[in-house]
Amino acid sequence: KYWKEYGTTLSGLMQFHGLEPDEFLDFVHDIDVSPLAPDPELSSALDNLPGKKYIFTNGTQKHAERVSDRLGVLHHFDDIFDIRAADYVPKPDKNVYHKLIANYGINPDETIFFEDMARNLLPAHELGMTTVWLKPKLSDDAPQHAKIGHEGADGGHIHYEIDNLVDFLSLMNGK
């Protein structure tokens, strides 16, 4: 309920129950990343993508580092803007996008924003970014987060809808 209404479960728990965020974040992100395998094709596609690259996550920097490192792509990113850097205000709050832009001197008109939750693309679009939705696959037994990823997909705020990031990046890179 909180995740759907407030962008993250954490936001709802903080607002309604006075939860201290750090212990909760450490707990929910203490997951086994060993099932993830290095992805050399993704690494190669990112290597060929020009410009600075940032991870913008409603999770923690540590979690993003663990996942990205396991995939073998962490070294491609210039920095990670996590929920702590956002003062615990999650996407899709537009103020957080402004903070991201200011923090890194980003020019929205020259930025491509990749996201797996459609609703998180709306503020990026409104700020002038090109938006790419990495559409989660849905099945009858799809996890709730995949279903939530499809919410907000209507409207003109999604420039590209993809199901394979490597293929899309390869097309962008002319490979």
Protein backbone atom coordinates (compact mmCIF):
# COMPACT_ATOMS: atom_id res chain seq x y z
CA LYS A 1 0.00 0.00 0.00
CA TYR A 2 2.67 2.54 1.02
CA TRP A 3 4.86 1.70 -1.98
CA LYS A 4 2.00 2.34 -4.35
CA GLU A 5 0.76 5.54 -2.69
CA TYR A 6 4.03 7.15 -1.59
CA GLY A 7 6.63 5.92 -4.08
CA THR A 8 8.35 3.70 -1.51
CA THR A 9 7.25 1.65 1.46
CA LEU A 10 9.78 3.66 3.45
CA SER A 11 8.05 6.98 2.75
CA GLY A 12 4.74 5.70 4.06
CA LEU A 13 6.32 4.13 7.13
CA MET A 14 8.23 7.33 7.90
CA GLN A 15 5.16 9.51 7.47
CA PHE A 16 2.66 7.41 9.39
CA HIS A 17 4.79 5.51 11.90
CA GLY A 18 7.84 7.71 12.48
CA LEU A 19 10.17 4.99 11.25
CA GLU A 20 13.89 5.79 11.26
CA PRO A 21 14.92 5.11 7.67
CA ASP A 22 18.47 3.77 7.85
CA GLU A 23 17.79 0.56 9.76
CA PHE A 24 14.82 -0.21 7.50
CA LEU A 25 16.85 0.44 4.34
CA ASP A 26 19.69 -1.78 5.52
CA PHE A 27 17.20 -4.56 6.31
CA VAL A 28 15.22 -4.52 3.05
CA HIS A 29 18.35 -4.30 0.90
CA ASP A 30 20.13 -7.14 2.69
CA ILE A 31 19.40 -9.58 -0.11
CA ASP A 32 21.40 -12.28 -1.82
CA VAL A 33 22.69 -10.94 -5.13
CA SER A 34 24.55 -14.16 -6.00
CA PRO A 35 21.83 -15.28 -8.47
CA LEU A 36 22.78 -12.28 -10.61
CA ALA A 37 25.41 -13.06 -13.21
CA PRO A 38 27.87 -10.73 -14.89
CA ASP A 39 26.41 -9.27 -18.07
CA PRO A 40 29.26 -8.63 -20.53
CA GLU A 41 26.85 -7.55 -23.28
CA LEU A 42 25.36 -4.86 -21.03
CA SER A 43 28.84 -3.78 -19.99
CA SER A 44 29.90 -3.47 -23.62
CA ALA A 45 26.75 -1.53 -24.53
CA LEU A 46 27.31 0.87 -21.62
CA ASP A 47 30.96 1.25 -22.59
CA ASN A 48 29.90 2.43 -26.04
CA LEU A 49 27.33 4.88 -24.67
CA PRO A 50 28.81 8.40 -24.61
CA GLY A 51 28.43 10.86 -21.78
CA LYS A 52 28.16 10.64 -18.04
CA LYS A 53 26.03 7.93 -16.51
CA TYR A 54 24.31 8.03 -13.14
CA ILE A 55 22.21 5.58 -11.20
CA PHE A 56 19.13 7.29 -9.73
CA THR A 57 17.49 4.88 -7.30
CA ASN A 58 14.86 4.79 -4.60
CA GLY A 59 17.12 2.21 -2.98
CA THR A 60 20.45 2.72 -1.24
CA GLN A 61 23.83 3.40 -2.77
CA LYS A 62 25.17 0.21 -1.19
CA HIS A 63 22.42 -1.87 -2.78
CA ALA A 64 22.92 -0.25 -6.20
CA GLU A 65 26.67 -0.85 -5.91
CA ARG A 66 26.20 -4.52 -4.96
CA VAL A 67 23.79 -5.20 -7.84
CA SER A 68 25.81 -3.22 -10.41
CA ASP A 69 29.07 -4.78 -9.29
CA ARG A 70 27.57 -8.26 -9.54
CA LEU A 71 26.40 -7.46 -13.09
CA GLY A 72 29.90 -6.19 -13.89
CA VAL A 73 28.74 -2.68 -14.81
CA LEU A 74 29.44 -0.56 -11.72
CA HIS A 75 32.59 0.96 -13.23
CA HIS A 76 30.52 2.55 -16.02
CA PHE A 77 28.68 4.90 -13.66
CA ASP A 78 29.97 8.26 -12.52
CA ASP A 79 27.90 8.28 -9.34
CA ILE A 80 24.81 6.95 -7.60
CA PHE A 81 22.03 9.27 -6.47
CA ASP A 82 20.16 7.22 -3.88
CA ILE A 83 17.25 7.69 -1.50
CA ARG A 84 19.58 9.17 1.13
CA ALA A 85 20.96 11.75 -1.32
CA ALA A 86 17.31 12.58 -2.09
CA ASP A 87 16.65 13.23 1.61
CA TYR A 88 14.40 10.15 1.63
CA VAL A 89 12.02 11.68 -0.92
CA PRO A 90 11.42 9.05 -3.63
CA LYS A 91 10.81 9.18 -7.33
CA PRO A 92 8.41 10.25 -8.81
CA ASP A 93 8.44 13.42 -6.65
CA LYS A 94 9.47 16.13 -9.11
CA ASN A 95 11.57 17.97 -6.51
CA VAL A 96 13.94 15.02 -6.36
CA TYR A 97 14.55 15.26 -10.11
CA HIS A 98 15.39 18.95 -9.67
CA LYS A 99 17.84 18.00 -6.92
CA LEU A 100 19.44 15.36 -9.16
CA ILE A 101 19.81 17.89 -11.98
CA ALA A 102 21.32 20.52 -9.69
CA ASN A 103 23.62 18.05 -7.97
CA TYR A 104 25.28 16.94 -11.21
CA GLY A 105 24.76 19.96 -13.46
CA ILE A 106 22.60 17.90 -15.80
CA ASN A 107 21.09 19.49 -18.90
CA PRO A 108 17.68 17.76 -19.21
CA ASP A 109 17.52 18.46 -22.95
CA GLU A 110 20.66 16.35 -23.41
CA THR A 111 19.65 13.56 -21.05
CA ILE A 112 18.16 10.13 -21.60
CA PHE A 113 16.33 8.78 -18.57
CA PHE A 114 15.93 4.98 -18.33
CA GLU A 115 13.41 3.58 -15.86
CA ASP A 116 11.48 0.38 -15.17
CA MET A 117 8.53 2.13 -13.51
CA ALA A 118 6.46 4.08 -16.02
CA ARG A 119 5.17 6.64 -13.52
CA ASN A 120 8.74 7.67 -12.67
CA LEU A 121 9.22 8.85 -16.26
CA LEU A 122 6.61 11.61 -16.09
CA PRO A 123 8.74 14.14 -14.15
CA ALA A 124 11.74 13.40 -16.37
CA HIS A 125 9.62 14.05 -19.46
CA GLU A 126 8.19 17.26 -17.99
CA LEU A 127 11.75 18.48 -17.39
CA GLY A 128 12.71 17.87 -21.03
CA MET A 129 14.51 14.54 -20.79
CA THR A 130 14.12 11.80 -23.36
CA THR A 131 12.43 8.92 -21.57
CA VAL A 132 12.91 5.18 -22.04
CA TRP A 133 10.69 2.70 -20.24
CA LEU A 134 12.25 -0.70 -19.69
CA LYS A 135 8.90 -2.42 -19.55
CA PRO A 136 8.69 -5.23 -16.98
CA LYS A 137 7.33 -8.47 -18.39
CA LEU A 138 3.91 -9.36 -17.02
CA SER A 139 2.39 -12.74 -16.49
CA ASP A 140 -0.44 -13.98 -14.30
CA ASP A 141 2.04 -14.71 -11.53
CA ALA A 142 4.13 -11.55 -12.03
CA PRO A 143 5.43 -9.98 -8.82
CA GLN A 144 3.60 -6.93 -7.52
CA HIS A 145 6.49 -4.57 -8.34
CA ALA A 146 6.28 -5.61 -12.01
CA LYS A 147 2.58 -4.77 -12.05
CA ILE A 148 3.24 -1.44 -10.36
CA GLY A 149 5.91 -0.79 -12.99
CA HIS A 150 3.12 -0.64 -15.58
CA GLU A 151 1.07 1.96 -13.70
CA GLY A 152 1.22 5.39 -15.28
CA ALA A 153 2.20 4.04 -18.70
CA ASP A 154 -0.60 5.89 -20.45
CA GLY A 155 0.05 9.36 -21.78
CA GLY A 156 2.72 10.84 -23.96
CA HIS A 157 5.55 10.95 -21.42
CA ILE A 158 7.26 7.78 -22.65
CA HIS A 159 9.38 8.31 -25.76
CA TYR A 160 10.63 4.73 -26.06
CA GLU A 161 9.18 1.51 -24.66
CA ILE A 162 11.66 -1.36 -24.66
CA ASP A 163 11.97 -4.86 -23.29
CA ASN A 164 15.70 -5.32 -23.84
CA LEU A 165 18.16 -2.67 -22.69
CA VAL A 166 21.19 -4.14 -24.44
CA ASP A 167 19.43 -4.23 -27.81
CA PHE A 168 18.25 -0.63 -27.38
CA LEU A 169 21.69 0.64 -26.36
CA SER A 170 23.25 -1.21 -29.29
CA LEU A 171 20.83 0.50 -31.68
CA MET A 172 21.63 3.87 -30.09
CA ASN A 173 25.33 3.18 -30.53
CA GLY A 174 24.84 2.09 -34.15
CA LYS A 175 26.14 -1.41 -33.44
